Amino acid sequence: MGYFDSLTENHFKTDFEGRSIYYRWGVLGKGYVLSNKTVENKLRQLIKVFYFVAMVTVIGVAVSIGWFYELFLVPLLLVWYQLYTGSLIKEFPTVEVSSFQERLANYFTSYSLTRLWCMLIGSIFFVVAGILIALFDSESAFLGVFSALFFGACGIIAFLGIQVKKRIAQNEEAR
């Protein structure tokens, strides 16, 4: 499974009744019961393309004209995503929202332990790089601090994922 496939899979789960549930905002949002396979496939394709286009656009804009423009670009991308996915799911019923811990555990099931460790190590690297930029390049100090904070949060999420995966493995061994 590729990177964008696993990101996309985090939005979809199958409940105990075998129904496909779509979580528009991942662990932070409510689920929608998708009874139409065509809409589900369309959403899967849309999400995969959205992640790819958003990543390329955000990186391209940051590199070519500056990170400041991201403050305008990212909200526009998110509004477009909200409106477009909303138009596809408006007819579907919502499901009762499970606990945050349960949703977080479901989120991490599509990531391998190796990928989570790589994410954690990469995040630590970028935190250190951000700190060094902030300390030694006064013109880019804000970017360095922002980088350290952002990748620090990413590292925390990866660490939580590792802990969740270990707990799941322990629970399965205990059975």
Protein backbone atom coordinates (compact mmCIF):
# COMPACT_ATOMS: atom_id res chain seq x y z
CA MET A 1 0.00 0.00 0.00
CA GLY A 2 1.39 3.40 -0.98
CA TYR A 3 1.63 6.51 1.14
CA PHE A 4 -1.46 8.21 -0.30
CA ASP A 5 -3.41 4.94 -0.17
CA SER A 6 -2.76 4.64 3.57
CA LEU A 7 -3.73 8.27 4.12
CA THR A 8 -6.95 7.62 2.23
CA GLU A 9 -7.70 4.41 4.13
CA ASN A 10 -7.66 6.38 7.39
CA HIS A 11 -10.93 8.00 6.29
CA PHE A 12 -12.77 4.69 5.81
CA LYS A 13 -13.68 1.94 8.24
CA THR A 14 -16.02 -1.02 8.17
CA ASP A 15 -18.29 -1.29 11.20
CA PHE A 16 -19.48 -4.47 12.93
CA GLU A 17 -22.47 -4.67 10.59
CA GLY A 18 -20.22 -4.59 7.52
CA ARG A 19 -21.19 -1.06 6.56
CA SER A 20 -18.61 1.29 5.06
CA ILE A 21 -18.15 4.38 7.25
CA TYR A 22 -16.48 7.53 5.91
CA TYR A 23 -14.80 9.92 8.36
CA ARG A 24 -14.30 13.20 6.53
CA TRP A 25 -11.88 14.66 9.08
CA GLY A 26 -10.33 11.40 10.25
CA VAL A 27 -10.22 10.93 14.01
CA LEU A 28 -11.68 14.39 14.59
CA GLY A 29 -14.97 14.07 12.73
CA LYS A 30 -18.19 12.15 12.65
CA GLY A 31 -18.76 9.20 10.38
CA TYR A 32 -21.12 8.82 7.44
CA VAL A 33 -22.63 5.48 6.44
CA LEU A 34 -21.93 5.05 2.73
CA SER A 35 -24.53 2.81 1.16
CA ASN A 36 -23.48 3.71 -2.38
CA LYS A 37 -20.27 2.03 -3.62
CA THR A 38 -19.92 4.54 -6.48
CA VAL A 39 -19.83 7.46 -4.05
CA GLU A 40 -17.37 5.58 -1.83
CA ASN A 41 -15.02 4.98 -4.77
CA LYS A 42 -15.38 8.60 -5.85
CA LEU A 43 -14.50 9.75 -2.32
CA ARG A 44 -11.48 7.45 -2.18
CA GLN A 45 -10.18 8.80 -5.47
CA LEU A 46 -10.92 12.39 -4.45
CA ILE A 47 -9.08 12.06 -1.14
CA LYS A 48 -6.04 10.48 -2.76
CA VAL A 49 -5.88 13.22 -5.39
CA PHE A 50 -6.55 15.91 -2.76
CA TYR A 51 -3.63 14.78 -0.60
CA PHE A 52 -1.30 14.62 -3.60
CA VAL A 53 -2.35 17.99 -5.05
CA ALA A 54 -2.31 19.66 -1.62
CA MET A 55 1.18 18.35 -0.86
CA VAL A 56 2.63 19.36 -4.23
CA THR A 57 0.91 22.76 -4.14
CA VAL A 58 1.89 23.57 -0.57
CA ILE A 59 5.51 22.55 -1.11
CA GLY A 60 5.64 24.26 -4.50
CA VAL A 61 4.27 27.53 -3.17
CA ALA A 62 6.54 27.44 -0.10
CA VAL A 63 9.65 26.83 -2.21
CA SER A 64 8.82 29.17 -5.09
CA ILE A 65 7.20 32.23 -3.51
CA GLY A 66 7.46 31.71 0.24
CA TRP A 67 5.83 29.99 3.18
CA PHE A 68 3.79 33.08 4.11
CA TYR A 69 1.37 32.36 1.25
CA GLU A 70 0.55 29.04 2.89
CA LEU A 71 -1.56 31.01 5.39
CA PHE A 72 -3.96 31.73 2.51
CA LEU A 73 -3.52 28.57 0.47
CA VAL A 74 -4.16 25.94 3.14
CA PRO A 75 -7.54 27.37 4.26
CA LEU A 76 -8.64 27.55 0.61
CA LEU A 77 -7.72 23.90 0.08
CA LEU A 78 -9.56 22.87 3.24
CA VAL A 79 -12.69 24.84 2.30
CA TRP A 80 -12.68 23.24 -1.16
CA TYR A 81 -12.33 19.78 0.44
CA GLN A 82 -15.16 20.53 2.90
CA LEU A 83 -17.53 21.75 0.18
CA TYR A 84 -16.77 19.03 -2.36
CA THR A 85 -16.94 16.10 0.04
CA GLY A 86 -20.00 17.66 1.66
CA SER A 87 -21.80 17.64 -1.67
CA LEU A 88 -21.09 13.91 -2.04
CA ILE A 89 -22.13 12.81 1.47
CA LYS A 90 -25.08 15.08 2.24
CA GLU A 91 -27.61 12.28 1.61
CA PHE A 92 -25.95 9.73 3.89
CA PRO A 93 -26.80 9.25 7.58
CA THR A 94 -24.21 9.82 10.27
CA VAL A 95 -23.14 7.24 12.81
CA GLU A 96 -22.70 7.57 16.52
CA VAL A 97 -19.22 8.86 17.17
CA SER A 98 -16.98 6.40 18.97
CA SER A 99 -14.53 7.45 21.66
CA PHE A 100 -11.46 9.42 20.63
CA GLN A 101 -9.22 6.56 21.81
CA GLU A 102 -11.11 4.06 19.66
CA ARG A 103 -10.92 6.33 16.63
CA LEU A 104 -7.22 6.91 17.24
CA ALA A 105 -6.62 3.15 17.43
CA ASN A 106 -8.52 2.69 14.15
CA TYR A 107 -6.48 5.48 12.57
CA PHE A 108 -3.17 3.79 13.36
CA THR A 109 -4.21 0.35 12.10
CA SER A 110 -3.35 1.35 8.52
CA TYR A 111 0.23 2.28 9.47
CA SER A 112 2.91 -0.33 10.00
CA LEU A 113 5.15 -0.12 13.05
CA THR A 114 8.10 0.47 10.71
CA ARG A 115 6.39 3.44 9.08
CA LEU A 116 5.54 4.93 12.48
CA TRP A 117 9.16 4.57 13.63
CA CYS A 118 10.34 6.25 10.41
CA MET A 119 7.86 9.07 10.99
CA LEU A 120 9.13 9.50 14.56
CA ILE A 121 12.80 9.52 13.55
CA GLY A 122 12.12 11.90 10.65
CA SER A 123 10.16 14.20 12.94
CA ILE A 124 13.00 14.27 15.46
CA PHE A 125 15.43 15.14 12.66
CA PHE A 126 13.26 18.04 11.50
CA VAL A 127 12.73 19.29 15.06
CA VAL A 128 16.50 19.44 15.52
CA ALA A 129 16.89 21.12 12.11
CA GLY A 130 14.23 23.68 13.02
CA ILE A 131 15.93 24.46 16.31
CA LEU A 132 19.28 24.88 14.57
CA ILE A 133 17.72 27.18 11.97
CA ALA A 134 16.10 29.26 14.71
CA LEU A 135 19.37 29.53 16.63
CA PHE A 136 21.79 30.24 13.80
CA ASP A 137 19.77 32.04 11.10
CA SER A 138 18.03 35.09 12.55
CA GLU A 139 16.29 35.85 9.25
CA SER A 140 14.63 32.42 9.27
CA ALA A 141 14.08 32.13 13.02
CA PHE A 142 10.28 32.07 12.71
CA LEU A 143 10.45 29.32 10.11
CA GLY A 144 12.79 27.34 12.35
CA VAL A 145 10.49 27.66 15.38
CA PHE A 146 7.44 26.79 13.29
CA SER A 147 9.24 23.77 11.85
CA ALA A 148 10.28 22.57 15.30
CA LEU A 149 6.73 22.94 16.64
CA PHE A 150 5.06 21.33 13.64
CA PHE A 151 7.39 18.35 13.48
CA GLY A 152 7.32 18.09 17.26
CA ALA A 153 3.56 17.60 17.00
CA CYS A 154 4.10 15.07 14.19
CA GLY A 155 6.59 13.23 16.38
CA ILE A 156 4.12 13.10 19.26
CA ILE A 157 1.49 11.64 16.95
CA ALA A 158 3.96 9.04 15.64
CA PHE A 159 4.95 8.16 19.22
CA LEU A 160 1.27 7.76 20.17
CA GLY A 161 0.82 5.52 17.14
CA ILE A 162 3.71 3.32 18.24
CA GLN A 163 2.22 3.03 21.72
CA VAL A 164 -1.23 2.20 20.34
CA LYS A 165 0.21 -0.46 17.99
CA LYS A 166 2.14 -2.02 20.90
CA ARG A 167 -1.00 -2.10 23.07
CA ILE A 168 -2.99 -3.71 20.26
CA ALA A 169 -0.26 -6.36 19.81
CA GLN A 170 -0.20 -7.04 23.57
CA ASN A 171 -3.98 -7.39 23.68
CA GLU A 172 -3.92 -9.84 20.77
CA GLU A 173 -1.18 -11.90 22.46
CA ALA A 174 -3.19 -12.01 25.69
CA ARG A 175 -6.19 -13.53 23.90
